[in-house]
Amino acid sequence: MTEEQLSLCRAFRVHCVDAPDGAKLGIARSVGSGELPLNGLRHPAAGDTTGWYIWAGPELSNDPEFFEPMHVRHLSERCPEIVKFLGLPPGWRFLKAREYEDVWYDPSLLNV
């Protein structure tokens, strides 16, 4: 966990949940393209995944090919500005567009 991740969790008064470098997340091909906003949501972890799904743009697609697996360690190369959100626990979401950031709890994410 980075200090930035711990600080963000403290700001929202939530327990940090690690997203280990060797674990996987789901990421859309649009992430890192410059398209905004950047979005993320976290379901409960399962197997070797973190529960994180990350995409760029206003819409989340239902296309089964929309997300591809990626190890957490590669996110800092592809989209470093969102690594700080990865300590948020399951049930949390974020949206980032330039200087605007929003973080909120969505209990529906826990019912997968």
PDB file of N, CA and C in Angstrom:
ATOM      1  N   MET A   1       0.842  -1.187   0.000  1.00  0.00           N
ATOM      2  CA  MET A   1       0.000   0.000   0.000  1.00  0.00           C
ATOM      3  C   MET A   1       0.877   1.237   0.000  1.00  0.00           C
ATOM      4  N   THR A   2       0.489   2.214  -0.773  1.00  0.00           N
ATOM      5  CA  THR A   2       1.242   3.466  -0.797  1.00  0.00           C
ATOM      6  C   THR A   2       0.677   4.415   0.257  1.00  0.00           C
ATOM      7  N   GLU A   3       1.454   5.395   0.620  1.00  0.00           N
ATOM      8  CA  GLU A   3       0.991   6.397   1.577  1.00  0.00           C
ATOM      9  C   GLU A   3      -0.207   7.154   0.997  1.00  0.00           C
ATOM     10  N   GLU A   4      -0.212   7.385  -0.300  1.00  0.00           N
ATOM     11  CA  GLU A   4      -1.329   8.078  -0.946  1.00  0.00           C
ATOM     12  C   GLU A   4      -2.625   7.252  -0.836  1.00  0.00           C
ATOM     13  N   GLN A   5      -2.518   5.929  -0.981  1.00  0.00           N
ATOM     14  CA  GLN A   5      -3.687   5.059  -0.821  1.00  0.00           C
ATOM     15  C   GLN A   5      -4.185   5.082   0.621  1.00  0.00           C
ATOM     16  N   LEU A   6      -3.278   4.980   1.566  1.00  0.00           N
ATOM     17  CA  LEU A   6      -3.648   5.023   2.982  1.00  0.00           C
ATOM     18  C   LEU A   6      -4.298   6.351   3.351  1.00  0.00           C
ATOM     19  N   SER A   7      -3.753   7.440   2.841  1.00  0.00           N
ATOM     20  CA  SER A   7      -4.282   8.769   3.118  1.00  0.00           C
ATOM     21  C   SER A   7      -5.703   8.930   2.573  1.00  0.00           C
ATOM     22  N   LEU A   8      -5.937   8.429   1.369  1.00  0.00           N
ATOM     23  CA  LEU A   8      -7.265   8.522   0.771  1.00  0.00           C
ATOM     24  C   LEU A   8      -8.280   7.725   1.599  1.00  0.00           C
ATOM     25  N   CYS A   9      -7.905   6.540   2.029  1.00  0.00           N
ATOM     26  CA  CYS A   9      -8.798   5.726   2.856  1.00  0.00           C
ATOM     27  C   CYS A   9      -9.081   6.401   4.194  1.00  0.00           C
ATOM     28  N   ARG A  10      -8.063   7.004   4.782  1.00  0.00           N
ATOM     29  CA  ARG A  10      -8.269   7.741   6.040  1.00  0.00           C
ATOM     30  C   ARG A  10      -9.244   8.897   5.829  1.00  0.00           C
ATOM     31  N   ALA A  11      -9.127   9.583   4.710  1.00  0.00           N
ATOM     32  CA  ALA A  11     -10.005  10.721   4.428  1.00  0.00           C
ATOM     33  C   ALA A  11     -11.474  10.297   4.361  1.00  0.00           C
ATOM     34  N   PHE A  12     -11.729   9.072   3.891  1.00  0.00           N
ATOM     35  CA  PHE A  12     -13.096   8.569   3.805  1.00  0.00           C
ATOM     36  C   PHE A  12     -13.472   7.662   4.970  1.00  0.00           C
ATOM     37  N   ARG A  13     -12.546   7.539   5.935  1.00  0.00           N
ATOM     38  CA  ARG A  13     -12.761   6.753   7.153  1.00  0.00           C
ATOM     39  C   ARG A  13     -13.147   5.310   6.840  1.00  0.00           C
ATOM     40  N   VAL A  14     -12.374   4.717   5.929  1.00  0.00           N
ATOM     41  CA  VAL A  14     -12.592   3.312   5.581  1.00  0.00           C
ATOM     42  C   VAL A  14     -11.307   2.532   5.772  1.00  0.00           C
ATOM     43  N   HIS A  15     -11.461   1.241   6.009  1.00  0.00           N
ATOM     44  CA  HIS A  15     -10.319   0.340   6.142  1.00  0.00           C
ATOM     45  C   HIS A  15      -9.747   0.087   4.748  1.00  0.00           C
ATOM     46  N   CYS A  16      -8.462   0.273   4.589  1.00  0.00           N
ATOM     47  CA  CYS A  16      -7.814   0.027   3.295  1.00  0.00           C
ATOM     48  C   CYS A  16      -7.766  -1.470   3.009  1.00  0.00           C
ATOM     49  N   VAL A  17      -7.985  -1.818   1.760  1.00  0.00           N
ATOM     50  CA  VAL A  17      -7.899  -3.200   1.304  1.00  0.00           C
ATOM     51  C   VAL A  17      -6.879  -3.227   0.177  1.00  0.00           C
ATOM     52  N   ASP A  18      -5.807  -3.954   0.409  1.00  0.00           N
ATOM     53  CA  ASP A  18      -4.705  -4.002  -0.542  1.00  0.00           C
ATOM     54  C   ASP A  18      -5.140  -4.574  -1.890  1.00  0.00           C
ATOM     55  N   ALA A  19      -4.534  -4.063  -2.939  1.00  0.00           N
ATOM     56  CA  ALA A  19      -4.641  -4.613  -4.289  1.00  0.00           C
ATOM     57  C   ALA A  19      -3.211  -5.011  -4.660  1.00  0.00           C
ATOM     58  N   PRO A  20      -2.801  -6.244  -4.314  1.00  0.00           N
ATOM     59  CA  PRO A  20      -1.410  -6.656  -4.510  1.00  0.00           C
ATOM     60  C   PRO A  20      -0.966  -6.578  -5.970  1.00  0.00           C
ATOM     61  N   ASP A  21       0.308  -6.271  -6.167  1.00  0.00           N
ATOM     62  CA  ASP A  21       0.869  -6.138  -7.510  1.00  0.00           C
ATOM     63  C   ASP A  21       0.623  -7.350  -8.392  1.00  0.00           C
ATOM     64  N   GLY A  22       0.631  -8.545  -7.815  1.00  0.00           N
ATOM     65  CA  GLY A  22       0.460  -9.763  -8.592  1.00  0.00           C
ATOM     66  C   GLY A  22      -0.978 -10.149  -8.849  1.00  0.00           C
ATOM     67  N   ALA A  23      -1.919  -9.432  -8.244  1.00  0.00           N
ATOM     68  CA  ALA A  23      -3.341  -9.708  -8.467  1.00  0.00           C
ATOM     69  C   ALA A  23      -3.799  -9.002  -9.742  1.00  0.00           C
ATOM     70  N   LYS A  24      -4.975  -9.379 -10.215  1.00  0.00           N
ATOM     71  CA  LYS A  24      -5.489  -8.820 -11.468  1.00  0.00           C
ATOM     72  C   LYS A  24      -6.667  -7.894 -11.228  1.00  0.00           C
ATOM     73  N   LEU A  25      -6.859  -7.002 -12.182  1.00  0.00           N
ATOM     74  CA  LEU A  25      -8.033  -6.151 -12.235  1.00  0.00           C
ATOM     75  C   LEU A  25      -8.558  -6.207 -13.656  1.00  0.00           C
ATOM     76  N   GLY A  26      -9.793  -5.771 -13.834  1.00  0.00           N
ATOM     77  CA  GLY A  26     -10.366  -5.673 -15.173  1.00  0.00           C
ATOM     78  C   GLY A  26     -10.194  -4.257 -15.662  1.00  0.00           C
ATOM     79  N   ILE A  27      -9.664  -4.103 -16.878  1.00  0.00           N
ATOM     80  CA  ILE A  27      -9.408  -2.771 -17.399  1.00  0.00           C
ATOM     81  C   ILE A  27      -9.865  -2.688 -18.851  1.00  0.00           C
ATOM     82  N   ALA A  28     -10.500  -1.594 -19.188  1.00  0.00           N
ATOM     83  CA  ALA A  28     -10.953  -1.377 -20.555  1.00  0.00           C
ATOM     84  C   ALA A  28      -9.792  -0.861 -21.405  1.00  0.00           C
ATOM     85  N   ARG A  29      -9.834  -1.180 -22.669  1.00  0.00           N
ATOM     86  CA  ARG A  29      -8.781  -0.727 -23.592  1.00  0.00           C
ATOM     87  C   ARG A  29      -8.686   0.799 -23.655  1.00  0.00           C
ATOM     88  N   SER A  30      -9.783   1.479 -23.335  1.00  0.00           N
ATOM     89  CA  SER A  30      -9.812   2.942 -23.400  1.00  0.00           C
ATOM     90  C   SER A  30      -8.967   3.615 -22.318  1.00  0.00           C
ATOM     91  N   VAL A  31      -8.635   2.906 -21.253  1.00  0.00           N
ATOM     92  CA  VAL A  31      -7.851   3.490 -20.159  1.00  0.00           C
ATOM     93  C   VAL A  31      -6.428   3.753 -20.643  1.00  0.00           C
ATOM     94  N   GLY A  32      -5.988   4.991 -20.486  1.00  0.00           N
ATOM     95  CA  GLY A  32      -4.665   5.390 -20.945  1.00  0.00           C
ATOM     96  C   GLY A  32      -4.703   6.056 -22.309  1.00  0.00           C
ATOM     97  N   SER A  33      -5.891   6.135 -22.910  1.00  0.00           N
ATOM     98  CA  SER A  33      -6.037   6.737 -24.245  1.00  0.00           C
ATOM     99  C   SER A  33      -6.207   8.251 -24.187  1.00  0.00           C
ATOM    100  N   GLY A  34      -6.440   8.781 -22.984  1.00  0.00           N
ATOM    101  CA  GLY A  34      -6.725  10.204 -22.841  1.00  0.00           C
ATOM    102  C   GLY A  34      -8.210  10.485 -22.705  1.00  0.00           C
ATOM    103  N   GLU A  35      -9.050   9.476 -22.967  1.00  0.00           N
ATOM    104  CA  GLU A  35     -10.493   9.647 -22.825  1.00  0.00           C
ATOM    105  C   GLU A  35     -10.841   9.822 -21.350  1.00  0.00           C
ATOM    106  N   LEU A  36     -11.778  10.723 -21.079  1.00  0.00           N
ATOM    107  CA  LEU A  36     -12.217  11.010 -19.717  1.00  0.00           C
ATOM    108  C   LEU A  36     -13.732  10.911 -19.644  1.00  0.00           C
ATOM    109  N   PRO A  37     -14.272  10.727 -18.473  1.00  0.00           N
ATOM    110  CA  PRO A  37     -13.599  10.556 -17.191  1.00  0.00           C
ATOM    111  C   PRO A  37     -13.048   9.139 -17.033  1.00  0.00           C
ATOM    112  N   LEU A  38     -12.165   8.991 -16.047  1.00  0.00           N
ATOM    113  CA  LEU A  38     -11.681   7.675 -15.635  1.00  0.00           C
ATOM    114  C   LEU A  38     -12.609   7.202 -14.531  1.00  0.00           C
ATOM    115  N   ASN A  39     -13.045   5.962 -14.622  1.00  0.00           N
ATOM    116  CA  ASN A  39     -14.001   5.397 -13.682  1.00  0.00           C
ATOM    117  C   ASN A  39     -13.468   4.101 -13.109  1.00  0.00           C
ATOM    118  N   GLY A  40     -13.808   3.829 -11.869  1.00  0.00           N
ATOM    119  CA  GLY A  40     -13.457   2.549 -11.260  1.00  0.00           C
ATOM    120  C   GLY A  40     -14.491   2.145 -10.249  1.00  0.00           C
ATOM    121  N   LEU A  41     -14.702   0.851 -10.153  1.00  0.00           N
ATOM    122  CA  LEU A  41     -15.586   0.302  -9.130  1.00  0.00           C
ATOM    123  C   LEU A  41     -14.958  -0.982  -8.614  1.00  0.00           C
ATOM    124  N   ARG A  42     -15.240  -1.271  -7.339  1.00  0.00           N
ATOM    125  CA  ARG A  42     -14.635  -2.460  -6.736  1.00  0.00           C
ATOM    126  C   ARG A  42     -15.698  -3.392  -6.164  1.00  0.00           C
ATOM    127  N   HIS A  43     -15.749  -4.588  -6.747  1.00  0.00           N
ATOM    128  CA  HIS A  43     -16.549  -5.688  -6.219  1.00  0.00           C
ATOM    129  C   HIS A  43     -15.679  -6.439  -5.210  1.00  0.00           C
ATOM    130  N   PRO A  44     -16.255  -7.372  -4.456  1.00  0.00           N
ATOM    131  CA  PRO A  44     -15.419  -8.221  -3.595  1.00  0.00           C
ATOM    132  C   PRO A  44     -14.418  -9.019  -4.451  1.00  0.00           C
ATOM    133  N   ALA A  45     -13.239  -9.213  -3.915  1.00  0.00           N
ATOM    134  CA  ALA A  45     -12.202  -9.973  -4.615  1.00  0.00           C
ATOM    135  C   ALA A  45     -12.637 -11.427  -4.752  1.00  0.00           C
ATOM    136  N   ALA A  46     -12.173 -12.052  -5.833  1.00  0.00           N
ATOM    137  CA  ALA A  46     -12.450 -13.473  -6.070  1.00  0.00           C
ATOM    138  C   ALA A  46     -11.231 -14.086  -6.747  1.00  0.00           C
ATOM    139  N   GLY A  47     -10.772 -15.196  -6.218  1.00  0.00           N
ATOM    140  CA  GLY A  47      -9.605 -15.858  -6.816  1.00  0.00           C
ATOM    141  C   GLY A  47      -8.388 -14.952  -6.793  1.00  0.00           C
ATOM    142  N   ASP A  48      -7.780 -14.756  -7.955  1.00  0.00           N
ATOM    143  CA  ASP A  48      -6.576 -13.924  -8.037  1.00  0.00           C
ATOM    144  C   ASP A  48      -6.882 -12.503  -8.515  1.00  0.00           C
ATOM    145  N   THR A  49      -8.137 -12.066  -8.334  1.00  0.00           N
ATOM    146  CA  THR A  49      -8.514 -10.717  -8.754  1.00  0.00           C
ATOM    147  C   THR A  49      -8.688  -9.802  -7.540  1.00  0.00           C
ATOM    148  N   THR A  50      -8.638  -8.510  -7.805  1.00  0.00           N
ATOM    149  CA  THR A  50      -8.824  -7.503  -6.754  1.00  0.00           C
ATOM    150  C   THR A  50     -10.273  -7.079  -6.604  1.00  0.00           C
ATOM    151  N   GLY A  51     -11.080  -7.335  -7.627  1.00  0.00           N
ATOM    152  CA  GLY A  51     -12.452  -6.840  -7.659  1.00  0.00           C
ATOM    153  C   GLY A  51     -12.577  -5.515  -8.386  1.00  0.00           C
ATOM    154  N   TRP A  52     -11.461  -4.892  -8.758  1.00  0.00           N
ATOM    155  CA  TRP A  52     -11.476  -3.603  -9.457  1.00  0.00           C
ATOM    156  C   TRP A  52     -11.784  -3.776 -10.937  1.00  0.00           C
ATOM    157  N   TYR A  53     -12.649  -2.869 -11.430  1.00  0.00           N
ATOM    158  CA  TYR A  53     -12.945  -2.732 -12.861  1.00  0.00           C
ATOM    159  C   TYR A  53     -12.782  -1.253 -13.188  1.00  0.00           C
ATOM    160  N   ILE A  54     -11.974  -0.975 -14.200  1.00  0.00           N
ATOM    161  CA  ILE A  54     -11.598   0.409 -14.517  1.00  0.00           C
ATOM    162  C   ILE A  54     -11.849   0.662 -16.002  1.00  0.00           C
ATOM    163  N   TRP A  55     -12.448   1.811 -16.315  1.00  0.00           N
ATOM    164  CA  TRP A  55     -12.697   2.187 -17.704  1.00  0.00           C
ATOM    165  C   TRP A  55     -12.614   3.694 -17.871  1.00  0.00           C
ATOM    166  N   ALA A  56     -12.508   4.131 -19.117  1.00  0.00           N
ATOM    167  CA  ALA A  56     -12.482   5.557 -19.454  1.00  0.00           C
ATOM    168  C   ALA A  56     -13.702   5.864 -20.308  1.00  0.00           C
ATOM    169  N   GLY A  57     -14.233   7.057 -20.121  1.00  0.00           N
ATOM    170  CA  GLY A  57     -15.413   7.469 -20.870  1.00  0.00           C
ATOM    171  C   GLY A  57     -16.651   7.448 -20.002  1.00  0.00           C
ATOM    172  N   PRO A  58     -17.737   8.007 -20.514  1.00  0.00           N
ATOM    173  CA  PRO A  58     -18.944   8.161 -19.705  1.00  0.00           C
ATOM    174  C   PRO A  58     -19.755   6.890 -19.510  1.00  0.00           C
ATOM    175  N   GLU A  59     -19.576   5.894 -20.365  1.00  0.00           N
ATOM    176  CA  GLU A  59     -20.434   4.715 -20.324  1.00  0.00           C
ATOM    177  C   GLU A  59     -19.682   3.433 -19.973  1.00  0.00           C
ATOM    178  N   LEU A  60     -20.304   2.628 -19.151  1.00  0.00           N
ATOM    179  CA  LEU A  60     -19.820   1.289 -18.837  1.00  0.00           C
ATOM    180  C   LEU A  60     -20.533   0.344 -19.789  1.00  0.00           C
ATOM    181  N   SER A  61     -19.783  -0.411 -20.553  1.00  0.00           N
ATOM    182  CA  SER A  61     -20.352  -1.311 -21.554  1.00  0.00           C
ATOM    183  C   SER A  61     -20.690  -2.673 -20.956  1.00  0.00           C
ATOM    184  N   ASN A  62     -21.707  -3.316 -21.505  1.00  0.00           N
ATOM    185  CA  ASN A  62     -22.069  -4.686 -21.135  1.00  0.00           C
ATOM    186  C   ASN A  62     -21.382  -5.713 -22.028  1.00  0.00           C
ATOM    187  N   ASP A  63     -20.606  -5.248 -23.002  1.00  0.00           N
ATOM    188  CA  ASP A  63     -19.896  -6.140 -23.914  1.00  0.00           C
ATOM    189  C   ASP A  63     -18.941  -7.026 -23.116  1.00  0.00           C
ATOM    190  N   PRO A  64     -19.014  -8.350 -23.264  1.00  0.00           N
ATOM    191  CA  PRO A  64     -18.124  -9.231 -22.500  1.00  0.00           C
ATOM    192  C   PRO A  64     -16.640  -9.043 -22.829  1.00  0.00           C
ATOM    193  N   GLU A  65     -16.336  -8.376 -23.918  1.00  0.00           N
ATOM    194  CA  GLU A  65     -14.954  -8.109 -24.306  1.00  0.00           C
ATOM    195  C   GLU A  65     -14.475  -6.715 -23.853  1.00  0.00           C
ATOM    196  N   PHE A  66     -15.328  -5.979 -23.138  1.00  0.00           N
ATOM    197  CA  PHE A  66     -15.000  -4.608 -22.742  1.00  0.00           C
ATOM    198  C   PHE A  66     -13.795  -4.543 -21.805  1.00  0.00           C
ATOM    199  N   PHE A  67     -13.734  -5.471 -20.846  1.00  0.00           N
ATOM    200  CA  PHE A  67     -12.627  -5.509 -19.896  1.00  0.00           C
ATOM    201  C   PHE A  67     -11.658  -6.621 -20.258  1.00  0.00           C
ATOM    202  N   GLU A  68     -10.376  -6.336 -20.030  1.00  0.00           N
ATOM    203  CA  GLU A  68      -9.349  -7.364 -20.172  1.00  0.00           C
ATOM    204  C   GLU A  68      -8.597  -7.438 -18.847  1.00  0.00           C
ATOM    205  N   PRO A  69      -8.069  -8.610 -18.498  1.00  0.00           N
ATOM    206  CA  PRO A  69      -7.332  -8.721 -17.236  1.00  0.00           C
ATOM    207  C   PRO A  69      -5.951  -8.070 -17.340  1.00  0.00           C
ATOM    208  N   MET A  70      -5.513  -7.487 -16.250  1.00  0.00           N
ATOM    209  CA  MET A  70      -4.189  -6.881 -16.178  1.00  0.00           C
ATOM    210  C   MET A  70      -3.709  -6.986 -14.744  1.00  0.00           C
ATOM    211  N   HIS A  71      -2.426  -7.266 -14.561  1.00  0.00           N
ATOM    212  CA  HIS A  71      -1.865  -7.267 -13.213  1.00  0.00           C
ATOM    213  C   HIS A  71      -1.792  -5.837 -12.687  1.00  0.00           C
ATOM    214  N   VAL A  72      -2.056  -5.694 -11.410  1.00  0.00           N
ATOM    215  CA  VAL A  72      -2.047  -4.380 -10.762  1.00  0.00           C
ATOM    216  C   VAL A  72      -0.726  -3.656 -10.999  1.00  0.00           C
ATOM    217  N   ARG A  73       0.383  -4.380 -10.987  1.00  0.00           N
ATOM    218  CA  ARG A  73       1.699  -3.743 -11.130  1.00  0.00           C
ATOM    219  C   ARG A  73       1.836  -2.939 -12.421  1.00  0.00           C
ATOM    220  N   HIS A  74       1.045  -3.236 -13.448  1.00  0.00           N
ATOM    221  CA  HIS A  74       1.149  -2.536 -14.731  1.00  0.00           C
ATOM    222  C   HIS A  74       0.298  -1.267 -14.797  1.00  0.00           C
ATOM    223  N   LEU A  75      -0.586  -1.072 -13.830  1.00  0.00           N
ATOM    224  CA  LEU A  75      -1.457   0.103 -13.859  1.00  0.00           C
ATOM    225  C   LEU A  75      -0.660   1.391 -13.728  1.00  0.00           C
ATOM    226  N   SER A  76       0.423   1.385 -12.960  1.00  0.00           N
ATOM    227  CA  SER A  76       1.213   2.615 -12.777  1.00  0.00           C
ATOM    228  C   SER A  76       1.876   3.061 -14.081  1.00  0.00           C
ATOM    229  N   GLU A  77       2.082   2.150 -15.013  1.00  0.00           N
ATOM    230  CA  GLU A  77       2.626   2.512 -16.321  1.00  0.00           C
ATOM    231  C   GLU A  77       1.528   3.045 -17.245  1.00  0.00           C
ATOM    232  N   ARG A  78       0.366   2.440 -17.175  1.00  0.00           N
ATOM    233  CA  ARG A  78      -0.723   2.757 -18.104  1.00  0.00           C
ATOM    234  C   ARG A  78      -1.563   3.947 -17.668  1.00  0.00           C
ATOM    235  N   CYS A  79      -1.778   4.085 -16.361  1.00  0.00           N
ATOM    236  CA  CYS A  79      -2.648   5.150 -15.863  1.00  0.00           C
ATOM    237  C   CYS A  79      -2.294   5.476 -14.406  1.00  0.00           C
ATOM    238  N   PRO A  80      -1.135   6.093 -14.178  1.00  0.00           N
ATOM    239  CA  PRO A  80      -0.655   6.308 -12.807  1.00  0.00           C
ATOM    240  C   PRO A  80      -1.561   7.177 -11.936  1.00  0.00           C
ATOM    241  N   GLU A  81      -2.362   8.037 -12.532  1.00  0.00           N
ATOM    242  CA  GLU A  81      -3.183   8.957 -11.748  1.00  0.00           C
ATOM    243  C   GLU A  81      -4.312   8.280 -10.975  1.00  0.00           C
ATOM    244  N   ILE A  82      -4.578   6.999 -11.245  1.00  0.00           N
ATOM    245  CA  ILE A  82      -5.651   6.339 -10.499  1.00  0.00           C
ATOM    246  C   ILE A  82      -5.154   5.287  -9.513  1.00  0.00           C
ATOM    247  N   VAL A  83      -3.863   5.067  -9.440  1.00  0.00           N
ATOM    248  CA  VAL A  83      -3.301   4.082  -8.507  1.00  0.00           C
ATOM    249  C   VAL A  83      -3.695   4.416  -7.067  1.00  0.00           C
ATOM    250  N   LYS A  84      -3.819   5.681  -6.750  1.00  0.00           N
ATOM    251  CA  LYS A  84      -4.141   6.088  -5.378  1.00  0.00           C
ATOM    252  C   LYS A  84      -5.501   5.592  -4.899  1.00  0.00           C
ATOM    253  N   PHE A  85      -6.391   5.241  -5.825  1.00  0.00           N
ATOM    254  CA  PHE A  85      -7.728   4.772  -5.451  1.00  0.00           C
ATOM    255  C   PHE A  85      -7.766   3.278  -5.111  1.00  0.00           C
ATOM    256  N   LEU A  86      -6.728   2.541  -5.441  1.00  0.00           N
ATOM    257  CA  LEU A  86      -6.765   1.084  -5.340  1.00  0.00           C
ATOM    258  C   LEU A  86      -6.863   0.534  -3.922  1.00  0.00           C
ATOM    259  N   GLY A  87      -6.641   1.328  -2.908  1.00  0.00           N
ATOM    260  CA  GLY A  87      -6.780   0.863  -1.529  1.00  0.00           C
ATOM    261  C   GLY A  87      -8.210   0.920  -1.013  1.00  0.00           C
ATOM    262  N   LEU A  88      -9.110   1.566  -1.767  1.00  0.00           N
ATOM    263  CA  LEU A  88     -10.508   1.627  -1.343  1.00  0.00           C
ATOM    264  C   LEU A  88     -11.088   0.223  -1.283  1.00  0.00           C
ATOM    265  N   PRO A  89     -11.922  -0.071  -0.292  1.00  0.00           N
ATOM    266  CA  PRO A  89     -12.460  -1.427  -0.146  1.00  0.00           C
ATOM    267  C   PRO A  89     -13.580  -1.728  -1.144  1.00  0.00           C
ATOM    268  N   PRO A  90     -13.969  -2.993  -1.243  1.00  0.00           N
ATOM    269  CA  PRO A  90     -15.112  -3.350  -2.083  1.00  0.00           C
ATOM    270  C   PRO A  90     -16.332  -2.512  -1.710  1.00  0.00           C
ATOM    271  N   GLY A  91     -17.089  -2.146  -2.739  1.00  0.00           N
ATOM    272  CA  GLY A  91     -18.272  -1.307  -2.536  1.00  0.00           C
ATOM    273  C   GLY A  91     -18.009   0.154  -2.833  1.00  0.00           C
ATOM    274  N   TRP A  92     -16.783   0.495  -3.185  1.00  0.00           N
ATOM    275  CA  TRP A  92     -16.442   1.885  -3.450  1.00  0.00           C
ATOM    276  C   TRP A  92     -16.192   2.115  -4.931  1.00  0.00           C
ATOM    277  N   ARG A  93     -16.435   3.350  -5.347  1.00  0.00           N
ATOM    278  CA  ARG A  93     -16.264   3.775  -6.738  1.00  0.00           C
ATOM    279  C   ARG A  93     -15.485   5.086  -6.771  1.00  0.00           C
ATOM    280  N   PHE A  94     -14.924   5.387  -7.937  1.00  0.00           N
ATOM    281  CA  PHE A  94     -14.308   6.701  -8.146  1.00  0.00           C
ATOM    282  C   PHE A  94     -14.571   7.161  -9.572  1.00  0.00           C
ATOM    283  N   LEU A  95     -14.474   8.464  -9.764  1.00  0.00           N
ATOM    284  CA  LEU A  95     -14.540   9.106 -11.066  1.00  0.00           C
ATOM    285  C   LEU A  95     -13.503  10.216 -11.048  1.00  0.00           C
ATOM    286  N   LYS A  96     -12.680  10.286 -12.087  1.00  0.00           N
ATOM    287  CA  LYS A  96     -11.635  11.314 -12.158  1.00  0.00           C
ATOM    288  C   LYS A  96     -11.621  11.909 -13.553  1.00  0.00           C
ATOM    289  N   ALA A  97     -11.660  13.232 -13.620  1.00  0.00           N
ATOM    290  CA  ALA A  97     -11.580  13.960 -14.889  1.00  0.00           C
ATOM    291  C   ALA A  97     -10.770  15.226 -14.646  1.00  0.00           C
ATOM    292  N   ARG A  98      -9.549  15.228 -15.134  1.00  0.00           N
ATOM    293  CA  ARG A  98      -8.612  16.328 -14.908  1.00  0.00           C
ATOM    294  C   ARG A  98      -8.522  16.646 -13.414  1.00  0.00           C
ATOM    295  N   GLU A  99      -8.927  17.832 -12.982  1.00  0.00           N
ATOM    296  CA  GLU A  99      -8.818  18.195 -11.568  1.00  0.00           C
ATOM    297  C   GLU A  99     -10.008  17.720 -10.736  1.00  0.00           C
ATOM    298  N   TYR A 100     -11.063  17.253 -11.372  1.00  0.00           N
ATOM    299  CA  TYR A 100     -12.264  16.805 -10.656  1.00  0.00           C
ATOM    300  C   TYR A 100     -12.108  15.350 -10.221  1.00  0.00           C
ATOM    301  N   GLU A 101     -12.439  15.089  -8.960  1.00  0.00           N
ATOM    302  CA  GLU A 101     -12.436  13.728  -8.435  1.00  0.00           C
ATOM    303  C   GLU A 101     -13.674  13.533  -7.569  1.00  0.00           C
ATOM    304  N   ASP A 102     -14.273  12.374  -7.687  1.00  0.00           N
ATOM    305  CA  ASP A 102     -15.397  12.012  -6.830  1.00  0.00           C
ATOM    306  C   ASP A 102     -15.177  10.575  -6.379  1.00  0.00           C
ATOM    307  N   VAL A 103     -15.449  10.311  -5.123  1.00  0.00           N
ATOM    308  CA  VAL A 103     -15.308   8.981  -4.531  1.00  0.00           C
ATOM    309  C   VAL A 103     -16.567   8.752  -3.702  1.00  0.00           C
ATOM    310  N   TRP A 104     -17.203   7.575  -3.884  1.00  0.00           N
ATOM    311  CA  TRP A 104     -18.418   7.303  -3.134  1.00  0.00           C
ATOM    312  C   TRP A 104     -18.623   5.809  -2.926  1.00  0.00           C
ATOM    313  N   TYR A 105     -19.443   5.518  -1.922  1.00  0.00           N
ATOM    314  CA  TYR A 105     -19.786   4.140  -1.562  1.00  0.00           C
ATOM    315  C   TYR A 105     -21.052   3.736  -2.297  1.00  0.00           C
ATOM    316  N   ASP A 106     -21.036   2.545  -2.884  1.00  0.00           N
ATOM    317  CA  ASP A 106     -22.176   2.010  -3.609  1.00  0.00           C
ATOM    318  C   ASP A 106     -22.392   0.579  -3.123  1.00  0.00           C
ATOM    319  N   PRO A 107     -23.294   0.371  -2.142  1.00  0.00           N
ATOM    320  CA  PRO A 107     -23.463  -0.961  -1.561  1.00  0.00           C
ATOM    321  C   PRO A 107     -23.913  -2.018  -2.570  1.00  0.00           C
ATOM    322  N   SER A 108     -24.490  -1.622  -3.697  1.00  0.00           N
ATOM    323  CA  SER A 108     -24.923  -2.608  -4.695  1.00  0.00           C
ATOM    324  C   SER A 108     -23.748  -3.381  -5.287  1.00  0.00           C
ATOM    325  N   LEU A 109     -22.545  -2.827  -5.190  1.00  0.00           N
ATOM    326  CA  LEU A 109     -21.363  -3.485  -5.729  1.00  0.00           C
ATOM    327  C   LEU A 109     -20.987  -4.735  -4.928  1.00  0.00           C
ATOM    328  N   LEU A 110     -21.509  -4.849  -3.727  1.00  0.00           N
ATOM    329  CA  LEU A 110     -21.192  -5.995  -2.877  1.00  0.00           C
ATOM    330  C   LEU A 110     -22.047  -7.224  -3.221  1.00  0.00           C
ATOM    331  N   ASN A 111     -23.100  -7.017  -3.975  1.00  0.00           N
ATOM    332  CA  ASN A 111     -24.014  -8.105  -4.363  1.00  0.00           C
ATOM    333  C   ASN A 111     -23.721  -8.509  -5.802  1.00  0.00           C
ATOM    334  N   VAL A 112     -22.711  -9.304  -5.977  1.00  0.00           N
ATOM    335  CA  VAL A 112     -22.314  -9.717  -7.321  1.00  0.00           C
ATOM    336  C   VAL A 112     -22.982 -11.026  -7.672  1.00  0.00           C
TER     337      VAL A 112
END
